Amino acid sequence: MLNGKHFRFHRSVSGIQLMNGTASVVTIPAEGVIRVLSGPDANGKLPDKGIVYVSWEERTVAIFAVDIETRAMEVLQPERHRQRASA
C-alpha cells in the first residue's frame, strides 16, 4: 500500500493537475519529493487504470503508479519543502 508514503524521483515525471475544471500538464523534476494520497488498496488493486494521486509542492497531481515504481525511491524521513529552501 502506497498511501501516505513519500518518494523522491531520480528522473522527472509528467502528471496532470486539475484546477478549477482545467487540466494542465506539470513536470515533477528529478529530486522532487511526493506524498501518495491515493494508490493501490490493501489487495494491490490500483484505482483508475493505474493512476495515483500525489501531493507535490502543495498541489494534487495525478501520475501513473508505474512512474513511482520505476523512477523513485521511498523516503523514510522526507525533508519538508526541500525545493523551496534551495531557491
N, C-alpha and C. Protein backbone atom coordinates (compact mmCIF):
# COMPACT_ATOMS: atom_id res chain seq x y z
N MET A 1 0.85 -1.18 0.00
CA MET A 1 0.00 0.00 0.00
C MET A 1 0.89 1.25 0.00
N LEU A 2 0.67 2.13 -0.93
CA LEU A 2 1.50 3.33 -1.08
C LEU A 2 0.97 4.54 -0.32
N ASN A 3 -0.30 4.52 0.05
CA ASN A 3 -0.93 5.70 0.66
C ASN A 3 -0.12 6.24 1.83
N GLY A 4 0.14 7.56 1.80
CA GLY A 4 0.84 8.22 2.89
C GLY A 4 2.35 8.15 2.81
N LYS A 5 2.89 7.34 1.90
CA LYS A 5 4.34 7.21 1.79
C LYS A 5 4.91 8.35 0.95
N HIS A 6 6.18 8.66 1.21
CA HIS A 6 6.89 9.70 0.48
C HIS A 6 7.92 9.07 -0.44
N PHE A 7 8.10 9.67 -1.62
CA PHE A 7 9.06 9.17 -2.60
C PHE A 7 9.80 10.34 -3.21
N ARG A 8 11.08 10.09 -3.56
CA ARG A 8 11.89 11.08 -4.26
C ARG A 8 12.21 10.51 -5.65
N PHE A 9 11.94 11.30 -6.66
CA PHE A 9 12.19 10.86 -8.04
C PHE A 9 13.65 11.06 -8.41
N HIS A 10 14.19 10.10 -9.17
CA HIS A 10 15.55 10.26 -9.70
C HIS A 10 15.51 10.67 -11.17
N ARG A 11 14.32 10.72 -11.74
CA ARG A 11 14.09 11.24 -13.09
C ARG A 11 12.79 12.03 -13.05
N SER A 12 12.68 13.02 -13.93
CA SER A 12 11.45 13.83 -13.94
C SER A 12 10.26 12.99 -14.40
N VAL A 13 9.07 13.42 -13.97
CA VAL A 13 7.82 12.71 -14.27
C VAL A 13 6.76 13.73 -14.63
N SER A 14 5.97 13.42 -15.65
CA SER A 14 4.85 14.28 -16.03
C SER A 14 3.59 13.81 -15.33
N GLY A 15 2.74 14.77 -15.00
CA GLY A 15 1.47 14.45 -14.37
C GLY A 15 0.42 15.45 -14.79
N ILE A 16 -0.78 15.26 -14.33
CA ILE A 16 -1.91 16.14 -14.65
C ILE A 16 -2.43 16.76 -13.37
N GLN A 17 -2.55 18.08 -13.39
CA GLN A 17 -3.15 18.81 -12.28
C GLN A 17 -4.48 19.37 -12.76
N LEU A 18 -5.53 19.13 -11.98
CA LEU A 18 -6.85 19.66 -12.31
C LEU A 18 -7.15 20.79 -11.35
N MET A 19 -7.32 21.99 -11.91
CA MET A 19 -7.59 23.16 -11.08
C MET A 19 -8.71 23.97 -11.71
N ASN A 20 -9.78 24.19 -10.95
CA ASN A 20 -10.94 24.94 -11.43
C ASN A 20 -11.49 24.39 -12.73
N GLY A 21 -11.52 23.06 -12.85
CA GLY A 21 -12.08 22.41 -14.02
C GLY A 21 -11.17 22.38 -15.23
N THR A 22 -9.94 22.88 -15.11
CA THR A 22 -9.00 22.90 -16.21
C THR A 22 -7.83 21.98 -15.89
N ALA A 23 -7.52 21.09 -16.82
CA ALA A 23 -6.39 20.19 -16.64
C ALA A 23 -5.14 20.81 -17.25
N SER A 24 -4.03 20.67 -16.55
CA SER A 24 -2.76 21.16 -17.09
C SER A 24 -1.67 20.14 -16.78
N VAL A 25 -0.71 20.07 -17.67
CA VAL A 25 0.41 19.15 -17.51
C VAL A 25 1.44 19.82 -16.60
N VAL A 26 1.93 19.07 -15.63
CA VAL A 26 3.00 19.56 -14.76
C VAL A 26 4.15 18.55 -14.81
N THR A 27 5.34 19.04 -14.59
CA THR A 27 6.51 18.17 -14.53
C THR A 27 7.07 18.19 -13.12
N ILE A 28 7.10 17.02 -12.53
CA ILE A 28 7.75 16.88 -11.23
C ILE A 28 9.21 16.58 -11.55
N PRO A 29 10.12 17.46 -11.13
CA PRO A 29 11.52 17.30 -11.53
C PRO A 29 12.23 16.17 -10.80
N ALA A 30 13.37 15.76 -11.35
CA ALA A 30 14.24 14.84 -10.63
C ALA A 30 14.56 15.48 -9.29
N GLU A 31 14.61 14.69 -8.25
CA GLU A 31 14.80 15.11 -6.86
C GLU A 31 13.52 15.64 -6.23
N GLY A 32 12.41 15.72 -6.99
CA GLY A 32 11.14 16.14 -6.43
C GLY A 32 10.62 15.08 -5.47
N VAL A 33 10.04 15.53 -4.35
CA VAL A 33 9.51 14.62 -3.33
C VAL A 33 7.99 14.72 -3.34
N ILE A 34 7.34 13.56 -3.39
CA ILE A 34 5.87 13.49 -3.39
C ILE A 34 5.39 12.69 -2.19
N ARG A 35 4.12 12.89 -1.85
CA ARG A 35 3.43 12.05 -0.85
C ARG A 35 2.23 11.46 -1.56
N VAL A 36 2.06 10.16 -1.50
CA VAL A 36 0.95 9.47 -2.17
C VAL A 36 -0.32 9.70 -1.37
N LEU A 37 -1.35 10.22 -2.05
CA LEU A 37 -2.65 10.46 -1.43
C LEU A 37 -3.59 9.28 -1.63
N SER A 38 -3.57 8.69 -2.82
CA SER A 38 -4.40 7.51 -3.10
C SER A 38 -3.64 6.62 -4.05
N GLY A 39 -3.69 5.35 -3.79
CA GLY A 39 -2.96 4.41 -4.62
C GLY A 39 -3.55 3.04 -4.49
N PRO A 40 -2.71 2.02 -4.66
CA PRO A 40 -3.22 0.65 -4.55
C PRO A 40 -3.85 0.40 -3.19
N ASP A 41 -4.91 -0.39 -3.19
CA ASP A 41 -5.54 -0.75 -1.92
C ASP A 41 -4.77 -1.90 -1.27
N ALA A 42 -5.28 -2.40 -0.17
CA ALA A 42 -4.59 -3.45 0.58
C ALA A 42 -4.38 -4.71 -0.26
N ASN A 43 -5.21 -4.91 -1.29
CA ASN A 43 -5.09 -6.07 -2.16
C ASN A 43 -4.20 -5.80 -3.37
N GLY A 44 -3.61 -4.60 -3.45
CA GLY A 44 -2.74 -4.25 -4.56
C GLY A 44 -3.47 -3.75 -5.79
N LYS A 45 -4.78 -3.57 -5.69
CA LYS A 45 -5.56 -3.12 -6.83
C LYS A 45 -5.44 -1.60 -6.99
N LEU A 46 -5.13 -1.17 -8.20
CA LEU A 46 -5.00 0.25 -8.49
C LEU A 46 -6.33 0.85 -8.94
N PRO A 47 -6.67 2.03 -8.43
CA PRO A 47 -7.86 2.72 -8.92
C PRO A 47 -7.58 3.39 -10.26
N ASP A 48 -8.59 3.68 -11.02
CA ASP A 48 -8.47 4.50 -12.24
C ASP A 48 -7.35 4.08 -13.18
N LYS A 49 -7.27 2.80 -13.50
CA LYS A 49 -6.33 2.30 -14.51
C LYS A 49 -4.88 2.68 -14.25
N GLY A 50 -4.43 2.52 -13.02
CA GLY A 50 -3.02 2.73 -12.72
C GLY A 50 -2.65 4.15 -12.34
N ILE A 51 -3.62 5.01 -12.19
CA ILE A 51 -3.36 6.40 -11.80
C ILE A 51 -3.37 6.51 -10.28
N VAL A 52 -2.40 7.23 -9.74
CA VAL A 52 -2.39 7.54 -8.31
C VAL A 52 -2.37 9.06 -8.16
N TYR A 53 -2.91 9.52 -7.07
CA TYR A 53 -2.92 10.96 -6.78
C TYR A 53 -1.88 11.23 -5.72
N VAL A 54 -1.06 12.26 -5.99
CA VAL A 54 0.03 12.59 -5.09
C VAL A 54 -0.01 14.07 -4.74
N SER A 55 0.62 14.39 -3.63
CA SER A 55 0.79 15.79 -3.24
C SER A 55 2.22 16.17 -3.56
N TRP A 56 2.39 17.27 -4.31
CA TRP A 56 3.71 17.78 -4.66
C TRP A 56 3.64 19.30 -4.62
N GLU A 57 4.48 19.91 -3.82
CA GLU A 57 4.51 21.37 -3.68
C GLU A 57 3.12 21.95 -3.47
N GLU A 58 2.38 21.33 -2.55
CA GLU A 58 1.03 21.76 -2.17
C GLU A 58 0.03 21.69 -3.33
N ARG A 59 0.29 20.85 -4.29
CA ARG A 59 -0.62 20.61 -5.42
C ARG A 59 -1.01 19.14 -5.42
N THR A 60 -2.20 18.84 -5.89
CA THR A 60 -2.60 17.45 -6.10
C THR A 60 -2.41 17.14 -7.57
N VAL A 61 -1.63 16.11 -7.85
CA VAL A 61 -1.26 15.75 -9.21
C VAL A 61 -1.56 14.28 -9.43
N ALA A 62 -2.09 13.94 -10.60
CA ALA A 62 -2.33 12.55 -10.98
C ALA A 62 -1.13 12.07 -11.79
N ILE A 63 -0.56 10.93 -11.38
CA ILE A 63 0.56 10.33 -12.13
C ILE A 63 0.32 8.83 -12.23
N PHE A 64 1.09 8.18 -13.07
CA PHE A 64 1.00 6.72 -13.19
C PHE A 64 1.78 6.06 -12.06
N ALA A 65 1.21 5.04 -11.47
CA ALA A 65 1.88 4.29 -10.40
C ALA A 65 3.20 3.71 -10.89
N VAL A 66 3.26 3.32 -12.15
CA VAL A 66 4.49 2.74 -12.69
C VAL A 66 5.64 3.75 -12.64
N ASP A 67 5.33 5.06 -12.72
CA ASP A 67 6.39 6.06 -12.61
C ASP A 67 7.01 6.06 -11.21
N ILE A 68 6.20 5.82 -10.20
CA ILE A 68 6.74 5.72 -8.84
C ILE A 68 7.60 4.46 -8.73
N GLU A 69 7.10 3.37 -9.28
CA GLU A 69 7.82 2.09 -9.20
C GLU A 69 9.16 2.12 -9.92
N THR A 70 9.25 2.84 -11.04
CA THR A 70 10.45 2.79 -11.87
C THR A 70 11.34 4.02 -11.76
N ARG A 71 10.84 5.12 -11.22
CA ARG A 71 11.63 6.35 -11.21
C ARG A 71 11.82 6.97 -9.84
N ALA A 72 11.44 6.27 -8.78
CA ALA A 72 11.50 6.88 -7.45
C ALA A 72 11.97 5.88 -6.40
N MET A 73 12.45 6.44 -5.31
CA MET A 73 12.84 5.65 -4.14
C MET A 73 12.05 6.18 -2.95
N GLU A 74 11.64 5.28 -2.07
CA GLU A 74 10.90 5.72 -0.89
C GLU A 74 11.82 6.53 0.02
N VAL A 75 11.25 7.58 0.60
CA VAL A 75 11.96 8.44 1.54
C VAL A 75 11.31 8.22 2.90
N LEU A 76 12.09 7.75 3.86
CA LEU A 76 11.52 7.45 5.17
C LEU A 76 11.32 8.70 6.01
N GLN A 77 12.21 9.68 5.90
CA GLN A 77 12.07 10.94 6.63
C GLN A 77 12.23 12.09 5.64
N PRO A 78 11.16 12.44 4.93
CA PRO A 78 11.27 13.46 3.89
C PRO A 78 11.64 14.83 4.45
N GLU A 79 12.49 15.53 3.70
CA GLU A 79 12.82 16.90 4.06
C GLU A 79 11.68 17.77 3.59
N ARG A 80 11.13 18.54 4.48
CA ARG A 80 9.96 19.35 4.14
C ARG A 80 10.35 20.51 3.23
N HIS A 81 9.68 20.62 2.12
CA HIS A 81 9.84 21.74 1.18
C HIS A 81 11.29 21.94 0.78
N ARG A 82 11.98 20.87 0.45
CA ARG A 82 13.39 20.93 0.06
C ARG A 82 13.63 21.86 -1.12
N GLN A 83 12.74 21.83 -2.12
CA GLN A 83 12.93 22.66 -3.30
C GLN A 83 12.87 24.13 -2.95
N ARG A 84 11.97 24.52 -2.08
CA ARG A 84 11.81 25.93 -1.72
C ARG A 84 13.00 26.45 -0.92
N ALA A 85 13.57 25.60 -0.08
CA ALA A 85 14.68 26.03 0.76
C ALA A 85 15.91 26.35 -0.06
N SER A 86 16.07 25.68 -1.20
CA SER A 86 17.24 25.93 -2.04
C SER A 86 17.03 27.06 -3.02
N ALA A 87 15.80 27.58 -3.11
CA ALA A 87 15.51 28.64 -4.07
C ALA A 87 15.95 30.00 -3.55
